[in-house]
Amino acid sequence: MRGAVETEDGAPIRVETPGIRRATAEIISELAAGREVDPTLYYFRVAPGFTVAEQEYRWLQHSLFLGLGAKRPGGVEIEVYAVA
């Protein structure tokens, strides 16, 4: 998944979130039908990467992040954590 976000001070940040989603055929069918499925019932992990131009946010390009994903009826939800 690729996209962009903007910080509160207007700095653009490009985001790429390669990852893996693994589930049984039944759960994939439920997700595809747009139904709410408990995210603990399937594996959805990402490793986000960021591209920034602003010096203030360059640390994003020099840090490792991991995320836990959940497919929701309205889209995808990802909790992102910096690895210390």
PDB file of N, CA and C in Angstrom:
ATOM      1  N   MET A   1       0.845  -1.161   0.000  1.00  0.00           N
ATOM      2  CA  MET A   1       0.000   0.000   0.000  1.00  0.00           C
ATOM      3  C   MET A   1       0.900   1.237   0.000  1.00  0.00           C
ATOM      4  N   ARG A   2       0.555   2.191  -0.823  1.00  0.00           N
ATOM      5  CA  ARG A   2       1.306   3.447  -0.895  1.00  0.00           C
ATOM      6  C   ARG A   2       0.358   4.606  -0.699  1.00  0.00           C
ATOM      7  N   GLY A   3       0.877   5.651  -0.100  1.00  0.00           N
ATOM      8  CA  GLY A   3       0.046   6.831   0.114  1.00  0.00           C
ATOM      9  C   GLY A   3       0.879   7.979   0.618  1.00  0.00           C
ATOM     10  N   ALA A   4       0.210   9.016   1.043  1.00  0.00           N
ATOM     11  CA  ALA A   4       0.887  10.193   1.566  1.00  0.00           C
ATOM     12  C   ALA A   4       0.081  10.739   2.735  1.00  0.00           C
ATOM     13  N   VAL A   5       0.793  11.351   3.649  1.00  0.00           N
ATOM     14  CA  VAL A   5       0.174  12.046   4.776  1.00  0.00           C
ATOM     15  C   VAL A   5       0.813  13.420   4.863  1.00  0.00           C
ATOM     16  N   GLU A   6       0.173  14.291   5.622  1.00  0.00           N
ATOM     17  CA  GLU A   6       0.719  15.625   5.835  1.00  0.00           C
ATOM     18  C   GLU A   6       0.739  15.878   7.335  1.00  0.00           C
ATOM     19  N   THR A   7       1.864  16.375   7.833  1.00  0.00           N
ATOM     20  CA  THR A   7       1.966  16.677   9.251  1.00  0.00           C
ATOM     21  C   THR A   7       1.143  17.924   9.567  1.00  0.00           C
ATOM     22  N   GLU A   8       0.929  18.182  10.844  1.00  0.00           N
ATOM     23  CA  GLU A   8       0.164  19.365  11.250  1.00  0.00           C
ATOM     24  C   GLU A   8       0.800  20.663  10.760  1.00  0.00           C
ATOM     25  N   ASP A   9       2.134  20.651  10.589  1.00  0.00           N
ATOM     26  CA  ASP A   9       2.807  21.865  10.104  1.00  0.00           C
ATOM     27  C   ASP A   9       2.968  21.877   8.583  1.00  0.00           C
ATOM     28  N   GLY A  10       2.294  20.956   7.892  1.00  0.00           N
ATOM     29  CA  GLY A  10       2.254  20.988   6.431  1.00  0.00           C
ATOM     30  C   GLY A  10       3.327  20.215   5.696  1.00  0.00           C
ATOM     31  N   ALA A  11       4.158  19.456   6.392  1.00  0.00           N
ATOM     32  CA  ALA A  11       5.216  18.691   5.728  1.00  0.00           C
ATOM     33  C   ALA A  11       4.628  17.415   5.115  1.00  0.00           C
ATOM     34  N   PRO A  12       4.861  17.201   3.812  1.00  0.00           N
ATOM     35  CA  PRO A  12       4.364  15.974   3.189  1.00  0.00           C
ATOM     36  C   PRO A  12       5.280  14.789   3.504  1.00  0.00           C
ATOM     37  N   ILE A  13       4.675  13.625   3.713  1.00  0.00           N
ATOM     38  CA  ILE A  13       5.433  12.402   3.985  1.00  0.00           C
ATOM     39  C   ILE A  13       4.841  11.291   3.126  1.00  0.00           C
ATOM     40  N   ARG A  14       5.696  10.691   2.302  1.00  0.00           N
ATOM     41  CA  ARG A  14       5.272   9.537   1.504  1.00  0.00           C
ATOM     42  C   ARG A  14       5.402   8.283   2.357  1.00  0.00           C
ATOM     43  N   VAL A  15       4.391   7.410   2.290  1.00  0.00           N
ATOM     44  CA  VAL A  15       4.363   6.213   3.122  1.00  0.00           C
ATOM     45  C   VAL A  15       4.177   4.978   2.238  1.00  0.00           C
ATOM     46  N   GLU A  16       4.990   3.965   2.472  1.00  0.00           N
ATOM     47  CA  GLU A  16       4.819   2.655   1.829  1.00  0.00           C
ATOM     48  C   GLU A  16       4.690   1.632   2.942  1.00  0.00           C
ATOM     49  N   THR A  17       3.698   0.741   2.824  1.00  0.00           N
ATOM     50  CA  THR A  17       3.467  -0.236   3.881  1.00  0.00           C
ATOM     51  C   THR A  17       3.410  -1.649   3.318  1.00  0.00           C
ATOM     52  N   PRO A  18       4.561  -2.191   2.921  1.00  0.00           N
ATOM     53  CA  PRO A  18       4.553  -3.593   2.497  1.00  0.00           C
ATOM     54  C   PRO A  18       4.254  -4.489   3.694  1.00  0.00           C
ATOM     55  N   GLY A  19       3.561  -5.572   3.445  1.00  0.00           N
ATOM     56  CA  GLY A  19       3.234  -6.440   4.557  1.00  0.00           C
ATOM     57  C   GLY A  19       2.638  -7.766   4.136  1.00  0.00           C
ATOM     58  N   ILE A  20       2.131  -8.468   5.117  1.00  0.00           N
ATOM     59  CA  ILE A  20       1.573  -9.810   4.919  1.00  0.00           C
ATOM     60  C   ILE A  20       0.235  -9.889   5.648  1.00  0.00           C
ATOM     61  N   ARG A  21      -0.753 -10.411   4.941  1.00  0.00           N
ATOM     62  CA  ARG A  21      -2.024 -10.745   5.597  1.00  0.00           C
ATOM     63  C   ARG A  21      -2.294 -12.212   5.310  1.00  0.00           C
ATOM     64  N   ARG A  22      -2.489 -12.973   6.360  1.00  0.00           N
ATOM     65  CA  ARG A  22      -2.706 -14.416   6.238  1.00  0.00           C
ATOM     66  C   ARG A  22      -3.926 -14.786   7.065  1.00  0.00           C
ATOM     67  N   ALA A  23      -4.833 -15.566   6.444  1.00  0.00           N
ATOM     68  CA  ALA A  23      -6.051 -15.968   7.146  1.00  0.00           C
ATOM     69  C   ALA A  23      -6.620 -17.206   6.478  1.00  0.00           C
ATOM     70  N   THR A  24      -7.562 -17.826   7.162  1.00  0.00           N
ATOM     71  CA  THR A  24      -8.258 -18.966   6.568  1.00  0.00           C
ATOM     72  C   THR A  24      -9.145 -18.463   5.430  1.00  0.00           C
ATOM     73  N   ALA A  25      -9.557 -19.374   4.567  1.00  0.00           N
ATOM     74  CA  ALA A  25     -10.435 -19.015   3.452  1.00  0.00           C
ATOM     75  C   ALA A  25     -11.741 -18.408   3.967  1.00  0.00           C
ATOM     76  N   GLU A  26     -12.246 -18.934   5.071  1.00  0.00           N
ATOM     77  CA  GLU A  26     -13.496 -18.411   5.642  1.00  0.00           C
ATOM     78  C   GLU A  26     -13.347 -16.961   6.078  1.00  0.00           C
ATOM     79  N   ILE A  27     -12.235 -16.646   6.739  1.00  0.00           N
ATOM     80  CA  ILE A  27     -12.013 -15.279   7.214  1.00  0.00           C
ATOM     81  C   ILE A  27     -11.780 -14.339   6.034  1.00  0.00           C
ATOM     82  N   ILE A  28     -11.024 -14.769   5.040  1.00  0.00           N
ATOM     83  CA  ILE A  28     -10.806 -13.938   3.862  1.00  0.00           C
ATOM     84  C   ILE A  28     -12.141 -13.635   3.192  1.00  0.00           C
ATOM     85  N   SER A  29     -13.016 -14.606   3.131  1.00  0.00           N
ATOM     86  CA  SER A  29     -14.339 -14.413   2.552  1.00  0.00           C
ATOM     87  C   SER A  29     -15.143 -13.383   3.351  1.00  0.00           C
ATOM     88  N   GLU A  30     -15.073 -13.464   4.666  1.00  0.00           N
ATOM     89  CA  GLU A  30     -15.772 -12.503   5.527  1.00  0.00           C
ATOM     90  C   GLU A  30     -15.229 -11.087   5.320  1.00  0.00           C
ATOM     91  N   LEU A  31     -13.900 -10.959   5.262  1.00  0.00           N
ATOM     92  CA  LEU A  31     -13.275  -9.654   5.039  1.00  0.00           C
ATOM     93  C   LEU A  31     -13.660  -9.093   3.681  1.00  0.00           C
ATOM     94  N   ALA A  32     -13.628  -9.944   2.656  1.00  0.00           N
ATOM     95  CA  ALA A  32     -13.963  -9.513   1.297  1.00  0.00           C
ATOM     96  C   ALA A  32     -15.426  -9.063   1.199  1.00  0.00           C
ATOM     97  N   ALA A  33     -16.282  -9.643   2.025  1.00  0.00           N
ATOM     98  CA  ALA A  33     -17.699  -9.269   2.027  1.00  0.00           C
ATOM     99  C   ALA A  33     -17.939  -7.979   2.824  1.00  0.00           C
ATOM    100  N   GLY A  34     -16.872  -7.435   3.423  1.00  0.00           N
ATOM    101  CA  GLY A  34     -17.002  -6.187   4.162  1.00  0.00           C
ATOM    102  C   GLY A  34     -17.502  -6.345   5.582  1.00  0.00           C
ATOM    103  N   ARG A  35     -17.422  -7.545   6.094  1.00  0.00           N
ATOM    104  CA  ARG A  35     -17.876  -7.793   7.462  1.00  0.00           C
ATOM    105  C   ARG A  35     -16.755  -7.521   8.471  1.00  0.00           C
ATOM    106  N   GLU A  36     -17.145  -7.138   9.656  1.00  0.00           N
ATOM    107  CA  GLU A  36     -16.182  -6.913  10.736  1.00  0.00           C
ATOM    108  C   GLU A  36     -15.685  -8.270  11.233  1.00  0.00           C
ATOM    109  N   VAL A  37     -14.357  -8.430  11.280  1.00  0.00           N
ATOM    110  CA  VAL A  37     -13.737  -9.668  11.769  1.00  0.00           C
ATOM    111  C   VAL A  37     -12.716  -9.274  12.832  1.00  0.00           C
ATOM    112  N   ASP A  38     -12.730  -9.957  13.948  1.00  0.00           N
ATOM    113  CA  ASP A  38     -11.771  -9.707  15.022  1.00  0.00           C
ATOM    114  C   ASP A  38     -10.354  -9.874  14.460  1.00  0.00           C
ATOM    115  N   PRO A  39      -9.505  -8.835  14.505  1.00  0.00           N
ATOM    116  CA  PRO A  39      -8.165  -8.935  13.924  1.00  0.00           C
ATOM    117  C   PRO A  39      -7.248  -9.939  14.608  1.00  0.00           C
ATOM    118  N   THR A  40      -7.619 -10.424  15.775  1.00  0.00           N
ATOM    119  CA  THR A  40      -6.800 -11.460  16.418  1.00  0.00           C
ATOM    120  C   THR A  40      -7.003 -12.816  15.743  1.00  0.00           C
ATOM    121  N   LEU A  41      -7.978 -12.901  14.844  1.00  0.00           N
ATOM    122  CA  LEU A  41      -8.263 -14.166  14.158  1.00  0.00           C
ATOM    123  C   LEU A  41      -7.474 -14.336  12.864  1.00  0.00           C
ATOM    124  N   TYR A  42      -6.692 -13.326  12.488  1.00  0.00           N
ATOM    125  CA  TYR A  42      -5.853 -13.437  11.288  1.00  0.00           C
ATOM    126  C   TYR A  42      -4.554 -12.667  11.505  1.00  0.00           C
ATOM    127  N   TYR A  43      -3.588 -12.940  10.655  1.00  0.00           N
ATOM    128  CA  TYR A  43      -2.250 -12.345  10.753  1.00  0.00           C
ATOM    129  C   TYR A  43      -2.160 -11.215   9.737  1.00  0.00           C
ATOM    130  N   PHE A  44      -1.892 -10.006  10.201  1.00  0.00           N
ATOM    131  CA  PHE A  44      -1.771  -8.848   9.311  1.00  0.00           C
ATOM    132  C   PHE A  44      -0.680  -7.959   9.892  1.00  0.00           C
ATOM    133  N   ARG A  45       0.503  -8.014   9.290  1.00  0.00           N
ATOM    134  CA  ARG A  45       1.653  -7.249   9.771  1.00  0.00           C
ATOM    135  C   ARG A  45       2.253  -6.463   8.613  1.00  0.00           C
ATOM    136  N   VAL A  46       2.772  -5.272   8.927  1.00  0.00           N
ATOM    137  CA  VAL A  46       3.387  -4.426   7.910  1.00  0.00           C
ATOM    138  C   VAL A  46       4.709  -3.877   8.433  1.00  0.00           C
ATOM    139  N   ALA A  47       5.536  -3.408   7.506  1.00  0.00           N
ATOM    140  CA  ALA A  47       6.803  -2.762   7.840  1.00  0.00           C
ATOM    141  C   ALA A  47       6.845  -1.424   7.109  1.00  0.00           C
ATOM    142  N   PRO A  48       6.202  -0.391   7.664  1.00  0.00           N
ATOM    143  CA  PRO A  48       6.109   0.893   6.979  1.00  0.00           C
ATOM    144  C   PRO A  48       7.472   1.546   6.758  1.00  0.00           C
ATOM    145  N   GLY A  49       7.577   2.227   5.632  1.00  0.00           N
ATOM    146  CA  GLY A  49       8.750   3.028   5.327  1.00  0.00           C
ATOM    147  C   GLY A  49       8.292   4.421   4.937  1.00  0.00           C
ATOM    148  N   PHE A  50       9.093   5.414   5.260  1.00  0.00           N
ATOM    149  CA  PHE A  50       8.707   6.805   5.044  1.00  0.00           C
ATOM    150  C   PHE A  50       9.752   7.531   4.198  1.00  0.00           C
ATOM    151  N   THR A  51       9.289   8.418   3.325  1.00  0.00           N
ATOM    152  CA  THR A  51      10.165   9.276   2.544  1.00  0.00           C
ATOM    153  C   THR A  51       9.762  10.712   2.833  1.00  0.00           C
ATOM    154  N   VAL A  52      10.731  11.503   3.283  1.00  0.00           N
ATOM    155  CA  VAL A  52      10.445  12.886   3.673  1.00  0.00           C
ATOM    156  C   VAL A  52      11.474  13.830   3.087  1.00  0.00           C
ATOM    157  N   ALA A  53      11.072  15.069   2.883  1.00  0.00           N
ATOM    158  CA  ALA A  53      12.000  16.093   2.396  1.00  0.00           C
ATOM    159  C   ALA A  53      12.452  17.004   3.535  1.00  0.00           C
ATOM    160  N   GLU A  54      11.566  17.217   4.498  1.00  0.00           N
ATOM    161  CA  GLU A  54      11.849  18.141   5.593  1.00  0.00           C
ATOM    162  C   GLU A  54      12.859  17.543   6.578  1.00  0.00           C
ATOM    163  N   GLN A  55      13.887  18.315   6.903  1.00  0.00           N
ATOM    164  CA  GLN A  55      14.938  17.859   7.815  1.00  0.00           C
ATOM    165  C   GLN A  55      14.369  17.424   9.170  1.00  0.00           C
ATOM    166  N   GLU A  56      13.371  18.112   9.641  1.00  0.00           N
ATOM    167  CA  GLU A  56      12.775  17.832  10.948  1.00  0.00           C
ATOM    168  C   GLU A  56      12.224  16.411  11.056  1.00  0.00           C
ATOM    169  N   TYR A  57      11.831  15.829   9.918  1.00  0.00           N
ATOM    170  CA  TYR A  57      11.225  14.489   9.925  1.00  0.00           C
ATOM    171  C   TYR A  57      12.125  13.416   9.320  1.00  0.00           C
ATOM    172  N   ARG A  58      13.380  13.740   9.061  1.00  0.00           N
ATOM    173  CA  ARG A  58      14.306  12.766   8.465  1.00  0.00           C
ATOM    174  C   ARG A  58      14.509  11.532   9.326  1.00  0.00           C
ATOM    175  N   TRP A  59      14.305  11.656  10.629  1.00  0.00           N
ATOM    176  CA  TRP A  59      14.472  10.504  11.524  1.00  0.00           C
ATOM    177  C   TRP A  59      13.553   9.362  11.112  1.00  0.00           C
ATOM    178  N   LEU A  60      12.440   9.674  10.460  1.00  0.00           N
ATOM    179  CA  LEU A  60      11.523   8.622  10.002  1.00  0.00           C
ATOM    180  C   LEU A  60      12.200   7.701   8.983  1.00  0.00           C
ATOM    181  N   GLN A  61      13.084   8.257   8.181  1.00  0.00           N
ATOM    182  CA  GLN A  61      13.787   7.471   7.158  1.00  0.00           C
ATOM    183  C   GLN A  61      14.919   6.641   7.756  1.00  0.00           C
ATOM    184  N   HIS A  62      15.292   6.939   8.979  1.00  0.00           N
ATOM    185  CA  HIS A  62      16.427   6.277   9.608  1.00  0.00           C
ATOM    186  C   HIS A  62      16.011   5.459  10.828  1.00  0.00           C
ATOM    187  N   SER A  63      14.752   5.051  10.840  1.00  0.00           N
ATOM    188  CA  SER A  63      14.223   4.243  11.941  1.00  0.00           C
ATOM    189  C   SER A  63      13.465   3.060  11.362  1.00  0.00           C
ATOM    190  N   LEU A  64      13.325   2.022  12.159  1.00  0.00           N
ATOM    191  CA  LEU A  64      12.587   0.827  11.748  1.00  0.00           C
ATOM    192  C   LEU A  64      11.226   0.842  12.433  1.00  0.00           C
ATOM    193  N   PHE A  65      10.183   0.573  11.640  1.00  0.00           N
ATOM    194  CA  PHE A  65       8.817   0.559  12.143  1.00  0.00           C
ATOM    195  C   PHE A  65       8.152  -0.767  11.797  1.00  0.00           C
ATOM    196  N   LEU A  66       7.298  -1.228  12.684  1.00  0.00           N
ATOM    197  CA  LEU A  66       6.473  -2.408  12.441  1.00  0.00           C
ATOM    198  C   LEU A  66       5.040  -2.025  12.769  1.00  0.00           C
ATOM    199  N   GLY A  67       4.101  -2.675  12.084  1.00  0.00           N
ATOM    200  CA  GLY A  67       2.711  -2.335  12.319  1.00  0.00           C
ATOM    201  C   GLY A  67       1.816  -3.554  12.383  1.00  0.00           C
ATOM    202  N   LEU A  68       0.720  -3.407  13.132  1.00  0.00           N
ATOM    203  CA  LEU A  68      -0.318  -4.424  13.230  1.00  0.00           C
ATOM    204  C   LEU A  68      -1.522  -3.900  12.466  1.00  0.00           C
ATOM    205  N   GLY A  69      -2.005  -4.692  11.520  1.00  0.00           N
ATOM    206  CA  GLY A  69      -3.104  -4.241  10.696  1.00  0.00           C
ATOM    207  C   GLY A  69      -4.425  -4.899  11.025  1.00  0.00           C
ATOM    208  N   ALA A  70      -5.486  -4.210  10.650  1.00  0.00           N
ATOM    209  CA  ALA A  70      -6.843  -4.735  10.777  1.00  0.00           C
ATOM    210  C   ALA A  70      -7.641  -4.240   9.580  1.00  0.00           C
ATOM    211  N   LYS A  71      -8.310  -5.155   8.901  1.00  0.00           N
ATOM    212  CA  LYS A  71      -9.192  -4.787   7.795  1.00  0.00           C
ATOM    213  C   LYS A  71     -10.552  -4.478   8.398  1.00  0.00           C
ATOM    214  N   ARG A  72     -11.007  -3.258   8.226  1.00  0.00           N
ATOM    215  CA  ARG A  72     -12.297  -2.815   8.745  1.00  0.00           C
ATOM    216  C   ARG A  72     -13.261  -2.615   7.577  1.00  0.00           C
ATOM    217  N   PRO A  73     -14.557  -2.618   7.832  1.00  0.00           N
ATOM    218  CA  PRO A  73     -15.515  -2.388   6.743  1.00  0.00           C
ATOM    219  C   PRO A  73     -15.266  -1.075   5.989  1.00  0.00           C
ATOM    220  N   GLY A  74     -14.779  -0.049   6.682  1.00  0.00           N
ATOM    221  CA  GLY A  74     -14.532   1.238   6.042  1.00  0.00           C
ATOM    222  C   GLY A  74     -13.122   1.443   5.522  1.00  0.00           C
ATOM    223  N   GLY A  75     -12.247   0.467   5.660  1.00  0.00           N
ATOM    224  CA  GLY A  75     -10.863   0.621   5.210  1.00  0.00           C
ATOM    225  C   GLY A  75      -9.913  -0.223   6.043  1.00  0.00           C
ATOM    226  N   VAL A  76      -8.664   0.190   6.043  1.00  0.00           N
ATOM    227  CA  VAL A  76      -7.622  -0.539   6.770  1.00  0.00           C
ATOM    228  C   VAL A  76      -7.149   0.329   7.922  1.00  0.00           C
ATOM    229  N   GLU A  77      -6.919  -0.293   9.066  1.00  0.00           N
ATOM    230  CA  GLU A  77      -6.426   0.381  10.252  1.00  0.00           C
ATOM    231  C   GLU A  77      -5.070  -0.231  10.596  1.00  0.00           C
ATOM    232  N   ILE A  78      -4.062   0.605  10.820  1.00  0.00           N
ATOM    233  CA  ILE A  78      -2.729   0.093  11.134  1.00  0.00           C
ATOM    234  C   ILE A  78      -2.179   0.824  12.367  1.00  0.00           C
ATOM    235  N   GLU A  79      -1.772   0.062  13.365  1.00  0.00           N
ATOM    236  CA  GLU A  79      -1.065   0.600  14.519  1.00  0.00           C
ATOM    237  C   GLU A  79       0.420   0.476  14.222  1.00  0.00           C
ATOM    238  N   VAL A  80       1.144   1.580  14.248  1.00  0.00           N
ATOM    239  CA  VAL A  80       2.560   1.576  13.891  1.00  0.00           C
ATOM    240  C   VAL A  80       3.403   1.819  15.134  1.00  0.00           C
ATOM    241  N   TYR A  81       4.474   1.020  15.255  1.00  0.00           N
ATOM    242  CA  TYR A  81       5.391   1.115  16.383  1.00  0.00           C
ATOM    243  C   TYR A  81       6.815   1.290  15.887  1.00  0.00           C
ATOM    244  N   ALA A  82       7.559   2.201  16.509  1.00  0.00           N
ATOM    245  CA  ALA A  82       8.985   2.333  16.225  1.00  0.00           C
ATOM    246  C   ALA A  82       9.717   1.269  17.015  1.00  0.00           C
ATOM    247  N   VAL A  83      10.649   0.603  16.366  1.00  0.00           N
ATOM    248  CA  VAL A  83      11.449  -0.423  17.031  1.00  0.00           C
ATOM    249  C   VAL A  83      12.652   0.265  17.644  1.00  0.00           C
ATOM    250  N   ALA A  84      12.790   0.116  18.965  1.00  0.00           N
ATOM    251  CA  ALA A  84      13.889   0.792  19.678  1.00  0.00           C
ATOM    252  C   ALA A  84      15.174   0.005  19.531  1.00  0.00           C
TER     253      ALA A  84
END
